[in-house]
Amino acid sequence: MTILVLLGAGASYGSEPVNGLNTPPLGDKLFGELCKLGGAASRVPSDIKKLFGKGFELGMAHFYERHSVLLQEFHRELSYYLSQFTPTNRSYYIKLLELLRGRDVIYSSLNYDMMLEEAVRMSGTNVVYNLNRRYDAERIIKPHGSINFWPDISTGMIRGCSFSGGGVAIETDVKVLDLPTSRKYCLLHDSLSPAISMYAKGKIVSVCPSYVEYQQNQFSEACRMASVIIILGVRVVAEDVHIWDSIRDSKAEVTYFGSDSDRLDLQKWVTKSKKTNMYFSSGYFEKALATIPLLI
């Protein structure tokens, strides 16, 4: 039995026993925290800041439309901010890894942060970002990119450049870094950023889009391989077809953990997609940890 565990922002936010305690904030709080860093976010015009207040994705879309030249700086700033978060030894991520250890499991995280990877490291195991099963590593697929996916510039850094007008800033191989090095790169580089999709409708990728597309293809394949899919802390965003179409087309039995408001969004998607073997469970990490043994 292959188990696919899909994790979103709600999973990282709620990955400690006290929600939000030293964990990345949810989208409605994220922009305010970035502004405190005094970088690109703090220089956003006031009218766009108001849009960020209504929703991060809304603000990001207008920011990109008018200030795409700042996108790489913004993504470095976002990545640097997210690199500060690491799990404690009480982390639910660690408990999840312990619960599923020895199983044929694939993890997929829609988060840019490395909370899950750090939990794997703390558990004494390695990480691979592909579907090749190894006894000494956990498989993690990141369809929206990650703060440690940096363009591999063999000749050194690209410095003193800016990129505007949308589209691709650079297409090259990716080198996967550890967390401390990723954090350092955010400070050393002044032109490029990690390979992450834009936090807005369309999920535009300007750095190494082929590698992010590879991750998305790996996710689709994981959905095809899976007998059971467990979804935790993920909003239903049907326009993200690289995620939700793959779930729709999977033959796996899917259990979605979330809130009552999540239930409404999920039901709309289920009705439209005609996905029959999809089940909702009210609750988040603690409920998931208690329920997963009954599903596998």
C-alpha atoms as a PDB file:
ATOM      1  CA  MET A   1       0.000   0.000   0.000  1.00  0.00           C
ATOM      2  CA  THR A   2       1.425   3.367  -1.060  1.00  0.00           C
ATOM      3  CA  ILE A   3       0.378   6.270   1.147  1.00  0.00           C
ATOM      4  CA  LEU A   4       0.539   9.863  -0.073  1.00  0.00           C
ATOM      5  CA  VAL A   5       0.434  12.565   2.598  1.00  0.00           C
ATOM      6  CA  LEU A   6      -0.280  16.064   1.238  1.00  0.00           C
ATOM      7  CA  LEU A   7       0.551  18.905   3.624  1.00  0.00           C
ATOM      8  CA  GLY A   8      -0.275  22.609   3.335  1.00  0.00           C
ATOM      9  CA  ALA A   9       0.216  25.867   5.225  1.00  0.00           C
ATOM     10  CA  GLY A  10      -2.186  24.786   7.947  1.00  0.00           C
ATOM     11  CA  ALA A  11       0.011  21.777   8.666  1.00  0.00           C
ATOM     12  CA  SER A  12       3.169  23.825   9.272  1.00  0.00           C
ATOM     13  CA  TYR A  13       1.210  26.441  11.241  1.00  0.00           C
ATOM     14  CA  GLY A  14      -0.307  23.757  13.459  1.00  0.00           C
ATOM     15  CA  SER A  15       2.721  21.478  13.671  1.00  0.00           C
ATOM     16  CA  GLU A  16       3.465  22.326  17.301  1.00  0.00           C
ATOM     17  CA  PRO A  17       1.191  21.560  20.286  1.00  0.00           C
ATOM     18  CA  VAL A  18       0.478  25.305  20.618  1.00  0.00           C
ATOM     19  CA  ASN A  19      -0.774  26.587  17.231  1.00  0.00           C
ATOM     20  CA  GLY A  20       1.404  29.335  15.809  1.00  0.00           C
ATOM     21  CA  LEU A  21       4.113  29.002  18.459  1.00  0.00           C
ATOM     22  CA  ASN A  22       7.348  29.359  16.473  1.00  0.00           C
ATOM     23  CA  THR A  23       5.652  28.167  13.296  1.00  0.00           C
ATOM     24  CA  PRO A  24       5.096  30.013   9.986  1.00  0.00           C
ATOM     25  CA  PRO A  25       1.989  32.229  10.061  1.00  0.00           C
ATOM     26  CA  LEU A  26      -0.961  31.632   7.789  1.00  0.00           C
ATOM     27  CA  GLY A  27      -1.380  33.843   4.725  1.00  0.00           C
ATOM     28  CA  ASP A  28      -3.504  36.526   6.392  1.00  0.00           C
ATOM     29  CA  LYS A  29      -0.685  37.285   8.868  1.00  0.00           C
ATOM     30  CA  LEU A  30       2.319  36.630   6.631  1.00  0.00           C
ATOM     31  CA  PHE A  31       2.595  39.979   4.853  1.00  0.00           C
ATOM     32  CA  GLY A  32       2.593  41.943   8.101  1.00  0.00           C
ATOM     33  CA  GLU A  33       5.493  39.849   9.379  1.00  0.00           C
ATOM     34  CA  LEU A  34       7.440  40.400   6.149  1.00  0.00           C
ATOM     35  CA  CYS A  35       6.965  44.162   6.429  1.00  0.00           C
ATOM     36  CA  LYS A  36       8.756  44.088   9.780  1.00  0.00           C
ATOM     37  CA  LEU A  37      11.937  43.000   7.989  1.00  0.00           C
ATOM     38  CA  GLY A  38      12.238  46.423   6.342  1.00  0.00           C
ATOM     39  CA  GLY A  39      12.862  45.108   2.836  1.00  0.00           C
ATOM     40  CA  ALA A  40      10.813  44.725  -0.329  1.00  0.00           C
ATOM     41  CA  ALA A  41       7.533  44.103   1.478  1.00  0.00           C
ATOM     42  CA  SER A  42       7.870  47.286   3.523  1.00  0.00           C
ATOM     43  CA  ARG A  43       8.331  49.338   0.324  1.00  0.00           C
ATOM     44  CA  VAL A  44       5.101  48.140  -1.276  1.00  0.00           C
ATOM     45  CA  PRO A  45       2.793  51.109  -2.097  1.00  0.00           C
ATOM     46  CA  SER A  46       0.029  51.684   0.425  1.00  0.00           C
ATOM     47  CA  ASP A  47      -2.781  50.763  -1.982  1.00  0.00           C
ATOM     48  CA  ILE A  48      -1.219  47.342  -2.582  1.00  0.00           C
ATOM     49  CA  LYS A  49      -0.595  46.903   1.142  1.00  0.00           C
ATOM     50  CA  LYS A  50      -4.335  47.271   1.629  1.00  0.00           C
ATOM     51  CA  LEU A  51      -4.894  44.510  -0.904  1.00  0.00           C
ATOM     52  CA  PHE A  52      -2.457  42.273   0.975  1.00  0.00           C
ATOM     53  CA  GLY A  53      -4.619  42.976   4.012  1.00  0.00           C
ATOM     54  CA  LYS A  54      -7.579  41.473   2.168  1.00  0.00           C
ATOM     55  CA  GLY A  55      -5.623  38.397   1.135  1.00  0.00           C
ATOM     56  CA  PHE A  56      -1.997  37.547   0.408  1.00  0.00           C
ATOM     57  CA  GLU A  57      -2.764  36.119  -3.035  1.00  0.00           C
ATOM     58  CA  LEU A  58      -4.737  39.222  -4.033  1.00  0.00           C
ATOM     59  CA  GLY A  59      -1.962  41.548  -2.931  1.00  0.00           C
ATOM     60  CA  MET A  60       0.716  39.428  -4.565  1.00  0.00           C
ATOM     61  CA  ALA A  61      -1.059  39.430  -7.920  1.00  0.00           C
ATOM     62  CA  HIS A  62      -1.211  43.254  -7.989  1.00  0.00           C
ATOM     63  CA  PHE A  63       2.358  43.527  -6.677  1.00  0.00           C
ATOM     64  CA  TYR A  64       3.617  41.351  -9.535  1.00  0.00           C
ATOM     65  CA  GLU A  65       1.592  43.254 -12.109  1.00  0.00           C
ATOM     66  CA  ARG A  66       3.071  46.612 -11.121  1.00  0.00           C
ATOM     67  CA  HIS A  67       6.418  45.765  -9.498  1.00  0.00           C
ATOM     68  CA  SER A  68       7.697  42.543 -11.088  1.00  0.00           C
ATOM     69  CA  VAL A  69      11.235  43.982 -10.918  1.00  0.00           C
ATOM     70  CA  LEU A  70      11.066  43.433  -7.136  1.00  0.00           C
ATOM     71  CA  LEU A  71       9.851  39.829  -7.315  1.00  0.00           C
ATOM     72  CA  GLN A  72      13.264  38.208  -6.756  1.00  0.00           C
ATOM     73  CA  GLU A  73      13.992  40.446  -3.772  1.00  0.00           C
ATOM     74  CA  PHE A  74      10.531  39.729  -2.387  1.00  0.00           C
ATOM     75  CA  HIS A  75      11.029  35.979  -2.760  1.00  0.00           C
ATOM     76  CA  ARG A  76      14.475  36.145  -1.109  1.00  0.00           C
ATOM     77  CA  GLU A  77      12.933  38.076   1.761  1.00  0.00           C
ATOM     78  CA  LEU A  78      10.084  35.585   2.066  1.00  0.00           C
ATOM     79  CA  SER A  79      12.524  32.656   1.948  1.00  0.00           C
ATOM     80  CA  TYR A  80      14.804  34.224   4.556  1.00  0.00           C
ATOM     81  CA  TYR A  81      11.832  34.793   6.847  1.00  0.00           C
ATOM     82  CA  LEU A  82      10.606  31.194   6.472  1.00  0.00           C
ATOM     83  CA  SER A  83      14.094  29.786   7.039  1.00  0.00           C
ATOM     84  CA  GLN A  84      13.947  30.771  10.716  1.00  0.00           C
ATOM     85  CA  PHE A  85      11.301  28.155  11.544  1.00  0.00           C
ATOM     86  CA  THR A  86      12.383  24.733  12.761  1.00  0.00           C
ATOM     87  CA  PRO A  87      10.428  22.067  14.653  1.00  0.00           C
ATOM     88  CA  THR A  88      10.820  21.257  18.324  1.00  0.00           C
ATOM     89  CA  ASN A  89      11.126  17.677  19.537  1.00  0.00           C
ATOM     90  CA  ARG A  90       7.387  17.819  20.321  1.00  0.00           C
ATOM     91  CA  SER A  91       6.514  18.578  16.695  1.00  0.00           C
ATOM     92  CA  TYR A  92       3.544  16.804  15.156  1.00  0.00           C
ATOM     93  CA  TYR A  93       5.659  16.442  12.024  1.00  0.00           C
ATOM     94  CA  ILE A  94       8.021  14.223  14.020  1.00  0.00           C
ATOM     95  CA  LYS A  95       5.064  12.253  15.400  1.00  0.00           C
ATOM     96  CA  LEU A  96       3.706  11.797  11.871  1.00  0.00           C
ATOM     97  CA  LEU A  97       7.070  10.498  10.641  1.00  0.00           C
ATOM     98  CA  GLU A  98       7.246   8.081  13.575  1.00  0.00           C
ATOM     99  CA  LEU A  99       3.695   6.893  12.929  1.00  0.00           C
ATOM    100  CA  LEU A 100       4.397   6.065   9.289  1.00  0.00           C
ATOM    101  CA  ARG A 101       8.000   4.877   9.602  1.00  0.00           C
ATOM    102  CA  GLY A 102       8.604   1.695   7.630  1.00  0.00           C
ATOM    103  CA  ARG A 103       5.546   2.225   5.436  1.00  0.00           C
ATOM    104  CA  ASP A 104       5.552   2.884   1.698  1.00  0.00           C
ATOM    105  CA  VAL A 105       4.858   6.595   2.128  1.00  0.00           C
ATOM    106  CA  ILE A 106       5.379   9.671  -0.032  1.00  0.00           C
ATOM    107  CA  TYR A 107       5.126  13.109   1.548  1.00  0.00           C
ATOM    108  CA  SER A 108       4.177  16.145  -0.501  1.00  0.00           C
ATOM    109  CA  SER A 109       4.341  19.650   0.922  1.00  0.00           C
ATOM    110  CA  LEU A 110       2.859  22.732  -0.734  1.00  0.00           C
ATOM    111  CA  ASN A 111       4.886  24.866   1.671  1.00  0.00           C
ATOM    112  CA  TYR A 112       8.084  26.723   0.829  1.00  0.00           C
ATOM    113  CA  ASP A 113       9.361  26.220   4.385  1.00  0.00           C
ATOM    114  CA  MET A 114      11.527  23.300   5.519  1.00  0.00           C
ATOM    115  CA  MET A 115       9.679  22.335   8.692  1.00  0.00           C
ATOM    116  CA  LEU A 116       9.027  18.828   7.367  1.00  0.00           C
ATOM    117  CA  GLU A 117      12.592  18.340   6.123  1.00  0.00           C
ATOM    118  CA  GLU A 118      13.995  19.466   9.449  1.00  0.00           C
ATOM    119  CA  ALA A 119      11.703  17.016  11.250  1.00  0.00           C
ATOM    120  CA  VAL A 120      13.088  14.272   8.994  1.00  0.00           C
ATOM    121  CA  ARG A 121      16.643  15.362   9.802  1.00  0.00           C
ATOM    122  CA  MET A 122      15.881  15.390  13.532  1.00  0.00           C
ATOM    123  CA  SER A 123      14.527  11.869  13.145  1.00  0.00           C
ATOM    124  CA  GLY A 124      17.918  10.748  11.826  1.00  0.00           C
ATOM    125  CA  THR A 125      16.870  10.225   8.208  1.00  0.00           C
ATOM    126  CA  ASN A 126      17.700  11.821   4.858  1.00  0.00           C
ATOM    127  CA  VAL A 127      15.421  13.496   2.298  1.00  0.00           C
ATOM    128  CA  VAL A 128      15.065  12.862  -1.424  1.00  0.00           C
ATOM    129  CA  TYR A 129      12.923  15.071  -3.647  1.00  0.00           C
ATOM    130  CA  ASN A 130      11.823  12.299  -6.005  1.00  0.00           C
ATOM    131  CA  LEU A 131       9.848   9.046  -5.976  1.00  0.00           C
ATOM    132  CA  ASN A 132      12.815   6.665  -5.738  1.00  0.00           C
ATOM    133  CA  ARG A 133      12.210   4.616  -2.613  1.00  0.00           C
ATOM    134  CA  ARG A 134      15.234   4.315  -0.301  1.00  0.00           C
ATOM    135  CA  TYR A 135      15.591   2.672   3.084  1.00  0.00           C
ATOM    136  CA  ASP A 136      17.619   5.625   4.409  1.00  0.00           C
ATOM    137  CA  ALA A 137      15.473   8.542   3.185  1.00  0.00           C
ATOM    138  CA  GLU A 138      11.982   9.997   3.183  1.00  0.00           C
ATOM    139  CA  ARG A 139      10.506  11.027  -0.159  1.00  0.00           C
ATOM    140  CA  ILE A 140       9.253  14.624  -0.191  1.00  0.00           C
ATOM    141  CA  ILE A 141       7.692  16.209  -3.275  1.00  0.00           C
ATOM    142  CA  LYS A 142       7.273  20.017  -3.318  1.00  0.00           C
ATOM    143  CA  PRO A 143       5.033  21.100  -6.224  1.00  0.00           C
ATOM    144  CA  HIS A 144       5.298  24.810  -5.355  1.00  0.00           C
ATOM    145  CA  GLY A 145       9.054  24.818  -4.895  1.00  0.00           C
ATOM    146  CA  SER A 146      11.117  25.277  -1.759  1.00  0.00           C
ATOM    147  CA  ILE A 147      13.419  27.789  -0.095  1.00  0.00           C
ATOM    148  CA  ASN A 148      16.328  25.361  -0.548  1.00  0.00           C
ATOM    149  CA  PHE A 149      15.908  24.907  -4.324  1.00  0.00           C
ATOM    150  CA  TRP A 150      18.519  27.350  -5.640  1.00  0.00           C
ATOM    151  CA  PRO A 151      19.643  27.837  -9.252  1.00  0.00           C
ATOM    152  CA  ASP A 152      22.942  26.073  -9.839  1.00  0.00           C
ATOM    153  CA  ILE A 153      25.200  28.831 -11.159  1.00  0.00           C
ATOM    154  CA  SER A 154      28.416  26.858 -11.599  1.00  0.00           C
ATOM    155  CA  THR A 155      30.506  29.921 -12.356  1.00  0.00           C
ATOM    156  CA  GLY A 156      29.435  31.771  -9.214  1.00  0.00           C
ATOM    157  CA  MET A 157      26.741  34.253  -8.223  1.00  0.00           C
ATOM    158  CA  ILE A 158      24.810  36.506 -10.552  1.00  0.00           C
ATOM    159  CA  ARG A 159      25.013  39.922  -8.917  1.00  0.00           C
ATOM    160  CA  GLY A 160      23.792  43.433  -9.630  1.00  0.00           C
ATOM    161  CA  CYS A 161      20.946  42.325 -11.939  1.00  0.00           C
ATOM    162  CA  SER A 162      17.209  42.927 -11.883  1.00  0.00           C
ATOM    163  CA  PHE A 163      14.444  41.176 -13.763  1.00  0.00           C
ATOM    164  CA  SER A 164      11.177  42.759 -14.864  1.00  0.00           C
ATOM    165  CA  GLY A 165       8.293  42.280 -17.246  1.00  0.00           C
ATOM    166  CA  GLY A 166       7.321  38.839 -15.967  1.00  0.00           C
ATOM    167  CA  GLY A 167       8.354  35.551 -17.493  1.00  0.00           C
ATOM    168  CA  VAL A 168      11.395  33.472 -16.599  1.00  0.00           C
ATOM    169  CA  ALA A 169      14.389  35.125 -14.935  1.00  0.00           C
ATOM    170  CA  ILE A 170      16.614  32.063 -15.265  1.00  0.00           C
ATOM    171  CA  GLU A 171      16.313  28.436 -16.344  1.00  0.00           C
ATOM    172  CA  THR A 172      19.064  26.155 -15.098  1.00  0.00           C
ATOM    173  CA  ASP A 173      19.689  23.093 -12.947  1.00  0.00           C
ATOM    174  CA  VAL A 174      18.790  23.264  -9.273  1.00  0.00           C
ATOM    175  CA  LYS A 175      21.081  22.533  -6.363  1.00  0.00           C
ATOM    176  CA  VAL A 176      19.356  21.413  -3.190  1.00  0.00           C
ATOM    177  CA  LEU A 177      20.793  23.081  -0.087  1.00  0.00           C
ATOM    178  CA  ASP A 178      20.470  22.447   3.628  1.00  0.00           C
ATOM    179  CA  LEU A 179      18.582  24.958   5.764  1.00  0.00           C
ATOM    180  CA  PRO A 180      21.547  26.998   7.113  1.00  0.00           C
ATOM    181  CA  THR A 181      23.036  27.360   3.625  1.00  0.00           C
ATOM    182  CA  SER A 182      19.648  28.328   2.177  1.00  0.00           C
ATOM    183  CA  ARG A 183      19.329  31.055   4.794  1.00  0.00           C
ATOM    184  CA  LYS A 184      22.848  32.318   4.028  1.00  0.00           C
ATOM    185  CA  TYR A 185      22.132  32.383   0.284  1.00  0.00           C
ATOM    186  CA  CYS A 186      19.160  34.698   0.874  1.00  0.00           C
ATOM    187  CA  LEU A 187      21.610  37.250   2.293  1.00  0.00           C
ATOM    188  CA  LEU A 188      24.497  36.700  -0.138  1.00  0.00           C
ATOM    189  CA  HIS A 189      22.531  36.857  -3.390  1.00  0.00           C
ATOM    190  CA  ASP A 190      21.187  40.186  -4.622  1.00  0.00           C
ATOM    191  CA  SER A 191      19.634  39.138  -7.948  1.00  0.00           C
ATOM    192  CA  LEU A 192      17.999  35.713  -7.885  1.00  0.00           C
ATOM    193  CA  SER A 193      15.881  33.775  -5.417  1.00  0.00           C
ATOM    194  CA  PRO A 194      15.041  30.123  -4.756  1.00  0.00           C
ATOM    195  CA  ALA A 195      12.806  28.215  -7.162  1.00  0.00           C
ATOM    196  CA  ILE A 196       9.396  28.874  -5.652  1.00  0.00           C
ATOM    197  CA  SER A 197       6.089  29.593  -7.319  1.00  0.00           C
ATOM    198  CA  MET A 198       4.503  32.975  -6.790  1.00  0.00           C
ATOM    199  CA  TYR A 199       2.007  32.989  -3.929  1.00  0.00           C
ATOM    200  CA  ALA A 200      -0.847  34.077  -6.213  1.00  0.00           C
ATOM    201  CA  LYS A 201      -3.291  32.773  -8.790  1.00  0.00           C
ATOM    202  CA  GLY A 202      -1.478  30.941 -11.587  1.00  0.00           C
ATOM    203  CA  LYS A 203       1.518  30.045  -9.382  1.00  0.00           C
ATOM    204  CA  ILE A 204       4.015  31.669 -11.791  1.00  0.00           C
ATOM    205  CA  VAL A 205       7.583  30.366 -11.438  1.00  0.00           C
ATOM    206  CA  SER A 206      10.354  32.723 -12.572  1.00  0.00           C
ATOM    207  CA  VAL A 207      13.407  30.774 -11.337  1.00  0.00           C
ATOM    208  CA  CYS A 208      14.087  27.247 -12.620  1.00  0.00           C
ATOM    209  CA  PRO A 209      10.475  26.577 -13.699  1.00  0.00           C
ATOM    210  CA  SER A 210      11.417  23.208 -15.236  1.00  0.00           C
ATOM    211  CA  TYR A 211      12.456  21.860 -11.836  1.00  0.00           C
ATOM    212  CA  VAL A 212       9.215  22.999 -10.214  1.00  0.00           C
ATOM    213  CA  GLU A 213       7.318  21.438 -13.127  1.00  0.00           C
ATOM    214  CA  TYR A 214       9.269  18.233 -12.471  1.00  0.00           C
ATOM    215  CA  GLN A 215       8.082  18.315  -8.861  1.00  0.00           C
ATOM    216  CA  GLN A 216       4.503  18.796 -10.066  1.00  0.00           C
ATOM    217  CA  ASN A 217       4.835  15.845 -12.425  1.00  0.00           C
ATOM    218  CA  GLN A 218       6.210  13.771  -9.563  1.00  0.00           C
ATOM    219  CA  PHE A 219       3.149  14.727  -7.517  1.00  0.00           C
ATOM    220  CA  SER A 220       0.831  13.593 -10.308  1.00  0.00           C
ATOM    221  CA  GLU A 221       2.681  10.291 -10.480  1.00  0.00           C
ATOM    222  CA  ALA A 222       2.456   9.926  -6.681  1.00  0.00           C
ATOM    223  CA  CYS A 223      -1.323  10.369  -6.928  1.00  0.00           C
ATOM    224  CA  ARG A 224      -1.427   7.584  -9.509  1.00  0.00           C
ATOM    225  CA  MET A 225       0.707   5.317  -7.304  1.00  0.00           C
ATOM    226  CA  ALA A 226      -1.211   5.932  -4.091  1.00  0.00           C
ATOM    227  CA  SER A 227      -3.787   3.624  -2.548  1.00  0.00           C
ATOM    228  CA  VAL A 228      -4.524   6.149   0.202  1.00  0.00           C
ATOM    229  CA  ILE A 229      -4.189   9.943   0.128  1.00  0.00           C
ATOM    230  CA  ILE A 230      -4.243  11.952   3.348  1.00  0.00           C
ATOM    231  CA  ILE A 231      -4.651  15.739   3.059  1.00  0.00           C
ATOM    232  CA  LEU A 232      -3.877  17.999   6.008  1.00  0.00           C
ATOM    233  CA  GLY A 233      -3.849  21.794   6.238  1.00  0.00           C
ATOM    234  CA  VAL A 234      -4.502  22.378   2.529  1.00  0.00           C
ATOM    235  CA  ARG A 235      -7.061  24.859   1.175  1.00  0.00           C
ATOM    236  CA  VAL A 236      -9.141  23.699  -1.759  1.00  0.00           C
ATOM    237  CA  VAL A 237      -7.993  25.902  -4.660  1.00  0.00           C
ATOM    238  CA  ALA A 238      -9.518  24.221  -7.701  1.00  0.00           C
ATOM    239  CA  GLU A 239      -7.643  26.502 -10.116  1.00  0.00           C
ATOM    240  CA  ASP A 240      -4.424  24.805  -8.955  1.00  0.00           C
ATOM    241  CA  VAL A 241      -5.112  22.030 -11.429  1.00  0.00           C
ATOM    242  CA  HIS A 242      -1.622  20.567 -10.996  1.00  0.00           C
ATOM    243  CA  ILE A 243      -2.798  19.545  -7.508  1.00  0.00           C
ATOM    244  CA  TRP A 244      -6.532  19.032  -7.608  1.00  0.00           C
ATOM    245  CA  ASP A 245      -6.862  17.428 -11.029  1.00  0.00           C
ATOM    246  CA  SER A 246      -4.282  14.853  -9.981  1.00  0.00           C
ATOM    247  CA  ILE A 247      -6.245  14.132  -6.794  1.00  0.00           C
ATOM    248  CA  ARG A 248      -9.483  13.910  -8.789  1.00  0.00           C
ATOM    249  CA  ASP A 249      -7.993  11.424 -11.225  1.00  0.00           C
ATOM    250  CA  SER A 250      -6.403   9.246  -8.556  1.00  0.00           C
ATOM    251  CA  LYS A 251      -8.047   5.927  -7.692  1.00  0.00           C
ATOM    252  CA  ALA A 252      -6.885   6.334  -4.100  1.00  0.00           C
ATOM    253  CA  GLU A 253      -9.257   6.736  -1.189  1.00  0.00           C
ATOM    254  CA  VAL A 254      -8.805  10.316   0.018  1.00  0.00           C
ATOM    255  CA  THR A 255      -9.291  11.625   3.567  1.00  0.00           C
ATOM    256  CA  TYR A 256      -9.225  15.386   4.054  1.00  0.00           C
ATOM    257  CA  PHE A 257      -8.658  16.889   7.511  1.00  0.00           C
ATOM    258  CA  GLY A 258      -9.885  20.454   8.038  1.00  0.00           C
ATOM    259  CA  SER A 259     -12.355  22.904   9.565  1.00  0.00           C
ATOM    260  CA  ASP A 260     -16.071  23.378   8.947  1.00  0.00           C
ATOM    261  CA  SER A 261     -15.326  26.142   6.421  1.00  0.00           C
ATOM    262  CA  ASP A 262     -12.937  23.763   4.655  1.00  0.00           C
ATOM    263  CA  ARG A 263     -15.767  21.240   4.513  1.00  0.00           C
ATOM    264  CA  LEU A 264     -17.920  23.623   2.454  1.00  0.00           C
ATOM    265  CA  ASP A 265     -15.138  24.332  -0.049  1.00  0.00           C
ATOM    266  CA  LEU A 266     -14.333  20.636  -0.294  1.00  0.00           C
ATOM    267  CA  GLN A 267     -17.953  19.695  -0.891  1.00  0.00           C
ATOM    268  CA  LYS A 268     -18.224  22.195  -3.755  1.00  0.00           C
ATOM    269  CA  TRP A 269     -15.122  20.685  -5.331  1.00  0.00           C
ATOM    270  CA  VAL A 270     -16.338  17.114  -4.783  1.00  0.00           C
ATOM    271  CA  THR A 271     -19.687  17.937  -6.399  1.00  0.00           C
ATOM    272  CA  LYS A 272     -18.043  19.578  -9.414  1.00  0.00           C
ATOM    273  CA  SER A 273     -15.287  16.998  -9.848  1.00  0.00           C
ATOM    274  CA  LYS A 274     -17.576  14.017  -9.143  1.00  0.00           C
ATOM    275  CA  LYS A 275     -14.925  12.505  -6.899  1.00  0.00           C
ATOM    276  CA  THR A 276     -16.712   9.732  -5.017  1.00  0.00           C
ATOM    277  CA  ASN A 277     -14.104   8.193  -2.694  1.00  0.00           C
ATOM    278  CA  MET A 278     -13.318  11.414  -0.786  1.00  0.00           C
ATOM    279  CA  TYR A 279     -14.005  11.738   2.923  1.00  0.00           C
ATOM    280  CA  PHE A 280     -13.909  14.711   5.290  1.00  0.00           C
ATOM    281  CA  SER A 281     -12.730  14.575   8.891  1.00  0.00           C
ATOM    282  CA  SER A 282     -13.153  17.581  11.184  1.00  0.00           C
ATOM    283  CA  GLY A 283      -9.868  18.455  12.877  1.00  0.00           C
ATOM    284  CA  TYR A 284      -6.215  18.975  12.168  1.00  0.00           C
ATOM    285  CA  PHE A 285      -2.949  17.381  13.248  1.00  0.00           C
ATOM    286  CA  GLU A 286      -4.046  15.684  16.477  1.00  0.00           C
ATOM    287  CA  LYS A 287      -7.156  14.271  14.790  1.00  0.00           C
ATOM    288  CA  ALA A 288      -5.089  13.120  11.822  1.00  0.00           C
ATOM    289  CA  LEU A 289      -2.524  11.360  14.020  1.00  0.00           C
ATOM    290  CA  ALA A 290      -5.330   9.533  15.825  1.00  0.00           C
ATOM    291  CA  THR A 291      -7.176   8.622  12.618  1.00  0.00           C
ATOM    292  CA  ILE A 292      -4.394   7.630  10.210  1.00  0.00           C
ATOM    293  CA  PRO A 293      -3.827   4.173  11.796  1.00  0.00           C
ATOM    294  CA  LEU A 294      -7.461   3.381  10.929  1.00  0.00           C
ATOM    295  CA  LEU A 295      -6.924   4.348   7.273  1.00  0.00           C
ATOM    296  CA  ILE A 296      -3.829   2.290   6.463  1.00  0.00           C
END
